[in-house]
């Protein structure tokens, strides 16, 4: 069987080179004055078919060719929040191996239960560009907040607990929080989690501002469009989405 560290077939080599050229024209260059941050829900980022090209009968359909493309995109950034890392971390492990010694990752354990979908949240980061500040935490909602009887209030913990990690570069410290909002049966089901994270971030951002630290929230919010009820719940406490 093919392994990720073997030389790919020639057509895949050419495709990766072309992808690199496209990325170089579309994504900002890394400089001493910037840090490039990305967020990516890589669906069911877990098992891998150890072939360069998966066949129709293979499961999963994600193969080595696909993973090389994913890795090439990740290399364009300094910190990447990944949602839907699964219990089997074959894809993540091979990604880190291919990225090399200058890259690392930090992640949660799997979230059990049906709504949790056996998912982890992770950050992949370039250790030559950023370092861990020492903070890593999952957001747990206080009991008194869960007892709020408003129709749009959260009445339980998050289906997939939001994960926050602190990073530093030179003299600047920043906190990234990643989450994957519950999809539910319709957009109304997402509002309690979106509203709760907005309220939490509002309070936390004010505290971090005193220490001149930035707070950025990343992830899959399952917001369908700007201006809908889910979006309005998300920005209800001064969160804003950059252009």
Protein backbone atom coordinates (compact mmCIF):
# COMPACT_ATOMS: atom_id res chain seq x y z
CA UNK A 1 0.00 0.00 0.00
CA UNK A 2 1.10 3.56 -0.68
CA UNK A 3 2.20 5.70 2.26
CA UNK A 4 1.97 9.46 2.56
CA UNK A 5 5.77 9.88 2.71
CA UNK A 6 6.40 7.97 -0.54
CA UNK A 7 6.90 9.79 -3.85
CA UNK A 8 3.46 10.33 -5.42
CA UNK A 9 2.61 9.45 -9.03
CA UNK A 10 3.77 12.07 -11.52
CA UNK A 11 0.29 13.43 -12.28
CA UNK A 12 -0.28 14.11 -8.56
CA UNK A 13 3.11 15.86 -8.27
CA UNK A 14 2.13 18.18 -11.11
CA UNK A 15 -1.29 18.82 -9.58
CA UNK A 16 0.21 19.73 -6.19
CA UNK A 17 2.62 22.13 -7.88
CA UNK A 18 -0.28 23.77 -9.69
CA UNK A 19 -2.27 24.01 -6.45
CA UNK A 20 0.74 25.67 -4.78
CA UNK A 21 0.92 28.25 -7.55
CA UNK A 22 -2.79 28.99 -7.21
CA UNK A 23 -2.51 29.36 -3.44
CA UNK A 24 0.45 31.70 -3.78
CA UNK A 25 -1.65 34.05 -5.91
CA UNK A 26 -4.76 33.94 -3.68
CA UNK A 27 -3.41 33.94 -0.11
CA UNK A 28 -1.37 36.68 1.55
CA UNK A 29 2.37 36.14 1.89
CA UNK A 30 3.80 35.37 5.31
CA UNK A 31 5.90 38.26 6.60
CA UNK A 32 7.47 39.37 9.87
CA UNK A 33 4.51 41.72 10.32
CA UNK A 34 1.63 39.27 10.01
CA UNK A 35 0.21 35.98 11.23
CA UNK A 36 -2.10 34.07 8.89
CA UNK A 37 -5.01 32.34 10.66
CA UNK A 38 -7.52 29.98 9.06
CA UNK A 39 -10.52 27.89 10.06
CA UNK A 40 -11.58 24.75 8.26
CA UNK A 41 -14.27 22.14 8.83
CA UNK A 42 -12.64 19.16 7.13
CA UNK A 43 -15.56 16.78 7.12
CA UNK A 44 -14.92 13.57 9.09
CA UNK A 45 -11.17 14.19 9.31
CA UNK A 46 -10.27 10.77 10.62
CA UNK A 47 -9.63 7.57 8.72
CA UNK A 48 -7.71 7.43 5.44
CA UNK A 49 -7.58 5.04 2.51
CA UNK A 50 -3.85 4.38 2.03
CA UNK A 51 -3.94 4.61 -1.77
CA UNK A 52 -3.05 7.50 -4.03
CA UNK A 53 -6.45 7.25 -5.70
CA UNK A 54 -9.38 5.66 -3.85
CA UNK A 55 -11.63 3.31 -5.78
CA UNK A 56 -15.47 3.47 -5.70
CA UNK A 57 -15.65 0.60 -3.20
CA UNK A 58 -13.13 2.13 -0.80
CA UNK A 59 -14.22 3.65 2.49
CA UNK A 60 -13.37 6.33 3.36
CA UNK A 61 -13.12 7.96 -0.05
CA UNK A 62 -10.43 10.34 1.26
CA UNK A 63 -7.13 9.05 -0.13
CA UNK A 64 -3.46 10.09 -0.07
CA UNK A 65 -3.99 12.37 -3.07
CA UNK A 66 -6.75 14.24 -1.22
CA UNK A 67 -4.67 14.50 1.96
CA UNK A 68 -1.70 15.97 0.07
CA UNK A 69 -4.00 18.70 -1.25
CA UNK A 70 -5.27 19.41 2.27
CA UNK A 71 -1.70 19.59 3.60
CA UNK A 72 -0.66 22.00 0.84
CA UNK A 73 -3.47 24.36 1.81
CA UNK A 74 -2.63 24.12 5.53
CA UNK A 75 1.00 25.08 4.78
CA UNK A 76 -0.20 28.47 3.55
CA UNK A 77 -1.19 29.53 7.08
CA UNK A 78 0.39 29.84 10.52
CA UNK A 79 -2.49 28.62 12.70
CA UNK A 80 -5.43 26.56 11.46
CA UNK A 81 -8.49 25.69 13.53
CA UNK A 82 -9.83 22.33 12.38
CA UNK A 83 -13.34 21.10 13.11
CA UNK A 84 -14.56 17.47 12.78
CA UNK A 85 -11.32 15.71 13.72
CA UNK A 86 -12.57 12.21 14.52
CA UNK A 87 -11.62 9.54 17.06
CA UNK A 88 -9.28 7.90 14.56
CA UNK A 89 -6.61 10.58 13.96
CA UNK A 90 -4.85 8.89 11.02
CA UNK A 91 -5.36 11.93 8.75
CA UNK A 92 -4.21 14.37 11.41
CA UNK A 93 -1.18 12.26 12.33
CA UNK A 94 -0.05 11.93 8.70
CA UNK A 95 -0.64 15.65 8.17
CA UNK A 96 1.71 16.55 11.01
CA UNK A 97 4.32 14.08 9.76
CA UNK A 98 4.25 15.62 6.30
CA UNK A 99 4.37 19.19 7.62
CA UNK A 100 7.59 18.36 9.49
CA UNK A 101 9.28 19.25 12.77
CA UNK A 102 8.33 22.93 12.62
CA UNK A 103 4.63 22.11 13.02
CA UNK A 104 2.59 20.89 15.97
CA UNK A 105 -1.02 20.52 17.07
CA UNK A 106 -3.24 20.64 20.13
CA UNK A 107 -6.71 19.13 20.34
CA UNK A 108 -9.61 18.08 22.56
CA UNK A 109 -10.75 14.58 23.34
CA UNK A 110 -13.74 13.29 21.37
CA UNK A 111 -17.20 14.58 22.22
CA UNK A 112 -19.43 11.61 23.01
CA UNK A 113 -23.18 11.37 22.50
CA UNK A 114 -25.27 11.68 19.36
CA UNK A 115 -25.10 15.47 18.92
CA UNK A 116 -21.36 15.43 19.60
CA UNK A 117 -20.83 13.15 16.59
CA UNK A 118 -17.58 11.76 18.00
CA UNK A 119 -15.75 14.95 17.01
CA UNK A 120 -12.63 16.69 18.28
CA UNK A 121 -11.58 20.32 17.84
CA UNK A 122 -7.94 20.98 16.97
CA UNK A 123 -5.39 23.66 16.15
CA UNK A 124 -2.47 22.98 13.82
CA UNK A 125 0.27 25.60 14.06
CA UNK A 126 3.70 26.51 12.75
CA UNK A 127 6.03 26.62 15.76
CA UNK A 128 8.50 28.89 13.95
CA UNK A 129 5.77 31.51 13.62
CA UNK A 130 3.76 31.14 16.84
CA UNK A 131 4.16 29.56 20.27
CA UNK A 132 1.61 28.37 22.80
CA UNK A 133 1.00 30.99 25.50
CA UNK A 134 0.00 28.38 28.10
CA UNK A 135 -3.79 28.74 27.95
CA UNK A 136 -5.95 25.86 26.75
CA UNK A 137 -9.52 25.47 27.95
CA UNK A 138 -13.00 24.27 27.09
CA UNK A 139 -15.98 26.54 27.66
CA UNK A 140 -18.45 25.31 30.28
CA UNK A 141 -21.65 27.30 30.83
CA UNK A 142 -22.43 28.14 34.51
CA UNK A 143 -25.46 26.39 36.00
CA UNK A 144 -27.29 29.64 36.69
CA UNK A 145 -27.08 30.60 33.03
CA UNK A 146 -28.53 27.23 32.04
CA UNK A 147 -31.55 27.93 34.25
CA UNK A 148 -32.48 31.01 32.20
CA UNK A 149 -36.05 30.45 30.97
CA UNK A 150 -35.93 32.73 27.90
CA UNK A 151 -36.99 30.89 24.71
CA UNK A 152 -33.62 31.52 23.03
CA UNK A 153 -31.52 30.66 26.10
CA UNK A 154 -29.19 27.68 26.26
CA UNK A 155 -30.64 25.05 28.61
CA UNK A 156 -27.76 22.53 28.44
CA UNK A 157 -24.03 22.50 27.73
CA UNK A 158 -22.79 22.88 24.16
CA UNK A 159 -23.18 19.74 22.05
CA UNK A 160 -19.48 20.14 21.13
CA UNK A 161 -17.65 22.10 23.79
CA UNK A 162 -15.92 25.24 22.40
CA UNK A 163 -12.13 25.06 22.68
CA UNK A 164 -9.87 28.06 23.34
CA UNK A 165 -6.08 28.15 23.03
CA UNK A 166 -3.69 31.04 23.62
CA UNK A 167 -0.86 31.77 21.19
CA UNK A 168 1.93 34.33 21.21
CA UNK A 169 4.20 35.84 18.60
CA UNK A 170 6.92 38.30 19.53
CA UNK A 171 5.27 40.56 22.15
CA UNK A 172 1.67 39.87 21.13
CA UNK A 173 -0.62 37.30 22.77
CA UNK A 174 -3.94 36.29 21.25
CA UNK A 175 -6.62 33.74 22.08
CA UNK A 176 -8.35 31.67 19.41
CA UNK A 177 -11.62 29.93 20.21
CA UNK A 178 -12.98 27.29 17.86
CA UNK A 179 -16.37 25.61 17.91
CA UNK A 180 -18.81 23.64 15.78
CA UNK A 181 -22.36 24.80 16.41
CA UNK A 182 -25.08 22.16 16.66
CA UNK A 183 -26.81 21.87 13.27
CA UNK A 184 -30.20 20.71 14.61
CA UNK A 185 -33.38 20.18 12.63
CA UNK A 186 -33.53 23.82 11.51
CA UNK A 187 -31.77 27.16 11.99
CA UNK A 188 -33.84 27.95 15.11
CA UNK A 189 -32.15 25.03 16.90
CA UNK A 190 -28.80 26.81 16.49
CA UNK A 191 -29.80 30.07 18.14
CA UNK A 192 -29.27 29.09 21.83
CA UNK A 193 -25.65 28.02 21.24
CA UNK A 194 -24.90 31.03 19.03
CA UNK A 195 -26.39 33.45 21.55
CA UNK A 196 -24.59 31.78 24.46
CA UNK A 197 -21.18 31.93 22.79
CA UNK A 198 -21.78 35.56 21.84
CA UNK A 199 -22.52 36.47 25.46
CA UNK A 200 -19.51 34.51 26.71
CA UNK A 201 -17.15 36.16 24.21
CA UNK A 202 -18.45 39.64 25.08
CA UNK A 203 -17.51 39.20 28.73
CA UNK A 204 -14.20 37.46 28.04
CA UNK A 205 -13.10 39.98 25.40
CA UNK A 206 -13.47 42.85 27.88
CA UNK A 207 -11.22 40.99 30.34
CA UNK A 208 -8.55 40.22 27.72
CA UNK A 209 -8.56 43.81 26.47
CA UNK A 210 -7.14 44.90 29.82
CA UNK A 211 -4.09 42.76 29.03
CA UNK A 212 -3.93 43.95 25.41
CA UNK A 213 -4.81 40.49 24.12
CA UNK A 214 -7.00 39.79 21.10
CA UNK A 215 -9.83 37.25 21.05
CA UNK A 216 -10.87 35.64 17.77
CA UNK A 217 -13.64 33.07 17.37
CA UNK A 218 -13.34 30.54 14.55
CA UNK A 219 -15.29 27.55 13.42
CA UNK A 220 -18.36 26.20 11.72
CA UNK A 221 -21.25 28.32 12.97
CA UNK A 222 -23.89 26.77 10.69
CA UNK A 223 -25.10 30.27 9.79
CA UNK A 224 -26.78 30.22 6.42
CA UNK A 225 -26.79 33.91 5.54
CA UNK A 226 -26.04 37.35 6.89
CA UNK A 227 -29.10 38.89 8.53
CA UNK A 228 -30.98 35.67 9.37
CA UNK A 229 -32.00 34.78 12.93
CA UNK A 230 -28.91 32.65 13.55
CA UNK A 231 -26.60 35.41 12.33
CA UNK A 232 -28.37 38.02 14.45
CA UNK A 233 -28.00 35.80 17.53
CA UNK A 234 -24.27 35.41 16.83
CA UNK A 235 -23.63 39.17 16.57
CA UNK A 236 -26.04 40.13 19.36
CA UNK A 237 -23.17 41.04 21.72
CA UNK A 238 -20.87 43.02 19.42
CA UNK A 239 -19.16 40.07 17.75
CA UNK A 240 -18.47 41.01 14.14
CA UNK A 241 -17.36 39.16 11.04
CA UNK A 242 -14.48 40.73 9.07
CA UNK A 243 -15.09 41.52 5.42
